Amino acid sequence: TTAPPQVLDSPRFGSNLLALEVRSAEGQPVGQVEGMLLDGGSGQIHYMTVTLTLEGARTVAAVPWPVLQLARVDEPNATSRQVLLLNLDPARLADAPPPDPDRLDPEGLAAWSQALGEFWARELDQPAPPDAPQDGALIYVTGGLFGGIDYELADSQERPLGDIRDFIVGASGAVRYAVLRINTFLGLDNSLIPLPWGALRWLPEEQRFLLRVNPDLLQEAPGYRHGGVQRRAFGRVAFSPDGSEIGVIEDLALDSAEIGRAS
């Protein structure tokens, strides 16, 4: 007998979410995450876009975050994996407005978000997700070979500080931190620093972020070395020294000083 999915509520990296399979509430595969549409002002994820096959046709549908749940499922081969559970009938996604690849500018994203809000308000018989800011500050992040999270960050004097390479997302779908890979000229070569979302401003026309606080604070901000191990650890199966499975890594507490010395 297959065990029911176990719902998870700890924070996750945005890059991890972009790599997840989507399953029905019963645990059956229905699609793959293709991207996310989030509010560049509040940092709240409004929709996850999912590639799925309905009635033999491949389609990309945007699913409101509240009808999704991060979960862990046990596979028949005794391994575990993380997935997103879809808590509605996948057939209801068939008529959801898809993204227009030729209209991913701020105006196009705002129009798509409005169409999605109207569709899901009717489909779910409840209020649509909150409107995006009037300046159209929406961010559409896609996964895959040519997608991912990679946005320039500059200070108020237009000096490049580094690149936002990931987001840390809470169970509510709100981005808590944006992970900055800092430039080498600041003396923090190869370091990753989580920045509170409120310390950033999204510039939709330029598709980049602006730092709202004094960049000198980056010198003292807690961070960790970019060895790749920490970011990829989420959702991985953990084993004891004798090789037996003991669980799945759900979260990490990082001491920047210790990690820096160890790397």
Protein backbone atom coordinates (compact mmCIF):
# COMPACT_ATOMS: atom_id res chain seq x y z
CA THR A 1 0.00 0.00 0.00
CA THR A 2 1.35 3.42 -0.94
CA ALA A 3 1.56 5.80 1.98
CA PRO A 4 -0.34 9.09 1.56
CA PRO A 5 1.73 12.18 0.74
CA GLN A 6 3.13 14.05 3.73
CA VAL A 7 2.50 17.80 3.52
CA LEU A 8 5.55 19.96 4.27
CA ASP A 9 5.52 23.50 5.61
CA SER A 10 9.19 24.52 5.88
CA PRO A 11 10.78 27.13 3.57
CA ARG A 12 12.13 26.09 0.18
CA PHE A 13 14.43 27.55 -2.44
CA GLY A 14 12.64 28.89 -5.50
CA SER A 15 14.99 26.93 -7.74
CA ASN A 16 13.85 23.79 -5.93
CA LEU A 17 10.19 24.60 -6.64
CA LEU A 18 10.95 25.09 -10.33
CA ALA A 19 12.22 21.51 -10.53
CA LEU A 20 9.24 19.78 -8.91
CA GLU A 21 6.77 17.32 -10.33
CA VAL A 22 3.07 18.07 -9.81
CA ARG A 23 0.78 15.31 -8.58
CA SER A 24 -2.91 14.96 -7.83
CA ALA A 25 -4.15 14.92 -4.25
CA GLU A 26 -4.07 11.12 -4.52
CA GLY A 27 -0.39 11.19 -5.47
CA GLN A 28 -0.71 10.49 -9.22
CA PRO A 29 1.67 12.41 -11.58
CA VAL A 30 -0.12 15.09 -13.60
CA GLY A 31 2.62 17.46 -14.76
CA GLN A 32 5.83 19.38 -14.16
CA VAL A 33 6.43 22.88 -12.82
CA GLU A 34 7.34 25.25 -15.66
CA GLY A 35 7.58 28.56 -13.83
CA MET A 36 6.15 30.94 -11.27
CA LEU A 37 4.44 34.32 -11.47
CA LEU A 38 5.09 36.47 -8.42
CA ASP A 39 4.36 40.01 -7.29
CA GLY A 40 7.53 42.06 -7.53
CA GLY A 41 6.23 44.38 -4.82
CA SER A 42 5.15 42.01 -2.04
CA GLY A 43 7.16 38.97 -3.15
CA GLN A 44 4.05 36.76 -3.01
CA ILE A 45 3.78 33.92 -5.54
CA HIS A 46 0.41 34.24 -7.28
CA TYR A 47 0.65 31.28 -9.65
CA MET A 48 2.81 28.30 -10.49
CA THR A 49 2.73 27.40 -14.19
CA VAL A 50 2.57 23.69 -14.88
CA THR A 51 3.20 21.72 -18.06
CA LEU A 52 0.69 18.86 -18.29
CA THR A 53 -1.11 16.66 -20.79
CA LEU A 54 -4.91 16.87 -20.90
CA GLU A 55 -6.86 14.65 -23.29
CA GLY A 56 -3.67 13.89 -25.20
CA ALA A 57 -2.71 17.55 -25.69
CA ARG A 58 0.23 19.25 -23.97
CA THR A 59 -0.61 22.54 -22.30
CA VAL A 60 0.82 25.05 -19.84
CA ALA A 61 -1.60 26.16 -17.14
CA ALA A 62 -1.20 28.67 -14.31
CA VAL A 63 -2.37 27.32 -10.95
CA PRO A 64 -3.08 29.59 -7.95
CA TRP A 65 -0.61 28.99 -5.13
CA PRO A 66 -3.36 28.34 -2.51
CA VAL A 67 -4.50 25.17 -4.29
CA LEU A 68 -0.96 23.71 -4.21
CA GLN A 69 0.86 22.06 -1.33
CA LEU A 70 4.48 21.04 -1.00
CA ALA A 71 4.62 17.38 0.02
CA ARG A 72 6.86 14.36 0.25
CA VAL A 73 5.79 11.07 -1.29
CA ASP A 74 7.23 7.61 -0.79
CA GLU A 75 8.11 5.79 -4.00
CA PRO A 76 7.72 2.00 -4.53
CA ASN A 77 11.52 1.60 -4.49
CA ALA A 78 11.58 2.90 -0.88
CA THR A 79 12.92 6.34 -1.82
CA SER A 80 11.19 9.65 -1.14
CA ARG A 81 10.80 12.73 -3.27
CA GLN A 82 9.27 16.17 -2.99
CA VAL A 83 6.33 17.15 -5.18
CA LEU A 84 3.64 19.79 -5.42
CA LEU A 85 0.15 18.45 -4.75
CA LEU A 86 -2.68 19.85 -6.87
CA ASN A 87 -5.81 20.02 -4.72
CA LEU A 88 -8.34 20.15 -7.54
CA ASP A 89 -9.30 18.12 -10.60
CA PRO A 90 -6.56 18.60 -13.27
CA ALA A 91 -9.29 18.82 -15.94
CA ARG A 92 -10.25 22.22 -14.52
CA LEU A 93 -6.92 23.57 -15.77
CA ALA A 94 -7.79 23.01 -19.44
CA ASP A 95 -9.29 26.47 -20.01
CA ALA A 96 -6.93 28.51 -17.83
CA PRO A 97 -5.33 31.37 -19.84
CA PRO A 98 -1.79 30.27 -20.82
CA PRO A 99 1.22 32.59 -20.87
CA ASP A 100 1.90 34.31 -24.17
CA PRO A 101 5.63 33.88 -24.94
CA ASP A 102 5.49 37.02 -27.09
CA ARG A 103 4.05 39.16 -24.29
CA LEU A 104 6.25 38.69 -21.26
CA ASP A 105 6.89 42.42 -20.87
CA PRO A 106 5.33 44.24 -17.86
CA GLU A 107 2.18 45.15 -19.80
CA GLY A 108 1.73 41.58 -21.07
CA LEU A 109 2.27 40.06 -17.64
CA ALA A 110 -0.26 42.45 -16.11
CA ALA A 111 -2.85 41.49 -18.75
CA TRP A 112 -2.19 37.78 -18.21
CA SER A 113 -2.47 38.18 -14.44
CA GLN A 114 -5.81 39.98 -14.81
CA ALA A 115 -7.16 37.24 -17.12
CA LEU A 116 -6.02 34.57 -14.68
CA GLY A 117 -7.63 36.34 -11.75
CA GLU A 118 -10.97 36.55 -13.55
CA PHE A 119 -10.78 32.90 -14.65
CA TRP A 120 -9.95 31.49 -11.23
CA ALA A 121 -12.45 33.73 -9.46
CA ARG A 122 -15.16 32.06 -11.58
CA GLU A 123 -13.66 28.58 -11.44
CA LEU A 124 -13.10 28.47 -7.69
CA ASP A 125 -16.07 30.68 -6.77
CA GLN A 126 -13.91 32.85 -4.56
CA PRO A 127 -12.07 36.19 -4.81
CA ALA A 128 -9.22 36.36 -7.28
CA PRO A 129 -5.64 36.71 -6.04
CA PRO A 130 -4.72 40.29 -5.08
CA ASP A 131 -3.95 42.63 -7.94
CA ALA A 132 -0.34 43.37 -8.75
CA PRO A 133 1.01 46.88 -8.09
CA GLN A 134 -0.16 49.51 -10.57
CA ASP A 135 3.30 49.70 -12.15
CA GLY A 136 2.90 46.13 -13.37
CA ALA A 137 5.70 44.85 -11.14
CA LEU A 138 5.25 41.16 -11.86
CA ILE A 139 8.09 38.68 -12.17
CA TYR A 140 7.70 35.58 -14.33
CA VAL A 141 10.44 33.10 -13.48
CA THR A 142 10.75 30.02 -15.68
CA GLY A 143 12.75 26.87 -15.16
CA GLY A 144 14.43 24.60 -17.65
CA LEU A 145 17.66 24.90 -19.59
CA PHE A 146 17.27 28.58 -20.50
CA GLY A 147 15.33 29.71 -17.44
CA GLY A 148 16.05 29.96 -13.76
CA ILE A 149 16.60 32.72 -11.25
CA ASP A 150 19.28 35.19 -12.31
CA TYR A 151 18.67 38.93 -11.92
CA GLU A 152 21.12 41.80 -11.57
CA LEU A 153 21.19 43.78 -8.31
CA ALA A 154 22.48 47.37 -8.22
CA ASP A 155 22.65 50.07 -5.57
CA SER A 156 21.09 53.53 -5.73
CA GLN A 157 24.15 54.81 -7.61
CA GLU A 158 23.71 52.15 -10.31
CA ARG A 159 26.76 50.20 -9.20
CA PRO A 160 26.33 46.43 -9.83
CA LEU A 161 26.48 44.49 -6.58
CA GLY A 162 25.93 40.98 -7.88
CA ASP A 163 23.14 38.70 -9.07
CA ILE A 164 20.01 37.41 -7.35
CA ARG A 165 20.38 33.67 -7.91
CA ASP A 166 17.58 32.22 -5.81
CA PHE A 167 14.59 32.91 -3.59
CA ILE A 168 13.75 31.43 -0.19
CA VAL A 169 9.98 30.82 -0.19
CA GLY A 170 7.76 30.19 2.83
CA ALA A 171 4.82 27.79 2.94
CA SER A 172 2.42 30.68 2.24
CA GLY A 173 4.14 31.32 -1.09
CA ALA A 174 5.77 34.54 0.10
CA VAL A 175 9.42 35.10 -0.80
CA ARG A 176 11.22 35.73 2.48
CA TYR A 177 14.72 36.24 1.12
CA ALA A 178 16.44 36.75 -2.21
CA VAL A 179 19.83 35.05 -2.36
CA LEU A 180 22.54 37.36 -3.70
CA ARG A 181 25.73 36.07 -5.28
CA ILE A 182 27.91 39.02 -4.48
CA ASN A 183 30.46 40.64 -6.77
CA THR A 184 34.12 40.02 -6.07
CA PHE A 185 35.03 43.72 -5.73
CA LEU A 186 33.26 43.84 -2.35
CA GLY A 187 35.78 41.40 -0.95
CA LEU A 188 33.29 38.57 -0.48
CA ASP A 189 34.26 36.40 -3.42
CA ASN A 190 32.00 33.42 -4.13
CA SER A 191 29.63 34.22 -1.26
CA LEU A 192 25.85 33.94 -1.11
CA ILE A 193 23.94 36.38 1.08
CA PRO A 194 20.18 36.06 1.80
CA LEU A 195 18.63 39.54 1.63
CA PRO A 196 15.18 40.30 3.11
CA TRP A 197 12.66 40.90 0.34
CA GLY A 198 11.84 44.31 1.81
CA ALA A 199 15.44 45.43 1.20
CA LEU A 200 14.89 45.13 -2.56
CA ARG A 201 12.91 46.98 -5.19
CA TRP A 202 11.93 45.31 -8.45
CA LEU A 203 12.39 47.40 -11.61
CA PRO A 204 10.03 45.75 -14.12
CA GLU A 205 11.08 47.71 -17.21
CA GLU A 206 14.74 46.84 -16.60
CA GLN A 207 14.14 43.32 -15.25
CA ARG A 208 16.52 43.82 -12.34
CA PHE A 209 16.55 44.67 -8.63
CA LEU A 210 17.62 47.79 -6.77
CA LEU A 211 18.99 47.62 -3.22
CA ARG A 212 17.01 49.87 -0.87
CA VAL A 213 19.56 49.84 1.98
CA ASN A 214 23.16 50.96 2.35
CA PRO A 215 25.35 48.49 0.39
CA ASP A 216 27.98 48.69 3.15
CA LEU A 217 25.67 46.44 5.18
CA LEU A 218 26.55 43.59 2.83
CA GLN A 219 30.01 43.46 4.39
CA GLU A 220 28.52 42.27 7.69
CA ALA A 221 25.48 40.37 6.44
CA PRO A 222 25.32 36.65 7.33
CA GLY A 223 26.12 34.53 4.28
CA TYR A 224 27.69 31.30 3.21
CA ARG A 225 30.16 30.10 0.63
CA HIS A 226 28.84 28.97 -2.70
CA GLY A 227 29.96 25.38 -2.82
CA GLY A 228 26.63 24.31 -4.29
CA VAL A 229 26.12 21.68 -1.60
CA GLN A 230 23.81 23.71 0.62
CA ARG A 231 21.42 24.85 -2.13
CA ARG A 232 21.08 21.41 -3.64
CA ALA A 233 20.60 19.65 -0.30
CA PHE A 234 16.91 20.49 0.06
CA GLY A 235 14.68 17.49 -0.57
CA ARG A 236 17.56 15.04 -0.78
CA VAL A 237 17.41 11.72 1.03
CA ALA A 238 19.71 11.44 4.06
CA PHE A 239 21.52 8.20 4.88
CA SER A 240 23.24 6.87 7.97
CA PRO A 241 26.93 5.76 7.82
CA ASP A 242 25.79 2.16 7.20
CA GLY A 243 23.81 3.20 4.13
CA SER A 244 20.27 2.96 5.48
CA GLU A 245 17.80 5.76 4.72
CA ILE A 246 16.98 7.93 7.73
CA GLY A 247 14.94 10.78 6.26
CA VAL A 248 14.82 13.76 3.91
CA ILE A 249 16.63 17.09 4.38
CA GLU A 250 13.92 19.69 5.02
CA ASP A 251 15.88 22.78 6.09
CA LEU A 252 19.35 24.02 6.97
CA ALA A 253 20.74 26.29 9.67
CA LEU A 254 23.91 27.92 8.34
CA ASP A 255 26.68 29.50 10.41
CA SER A 256 28.41 31.81 7.96
CA ALA A 257 31.72 31.85 9.85
CA GLU A 258 31.99 28.10 10.22
CA ILE A 259 30.92 27.38 6.64
CA GLY A 260 33.37 29.95 5.33
CA ARG A 261 36.26 28.28 7.15
CA ALA A 262 35.17 24.80 6.15
CA SER A 263 35.01 25.67 2.45
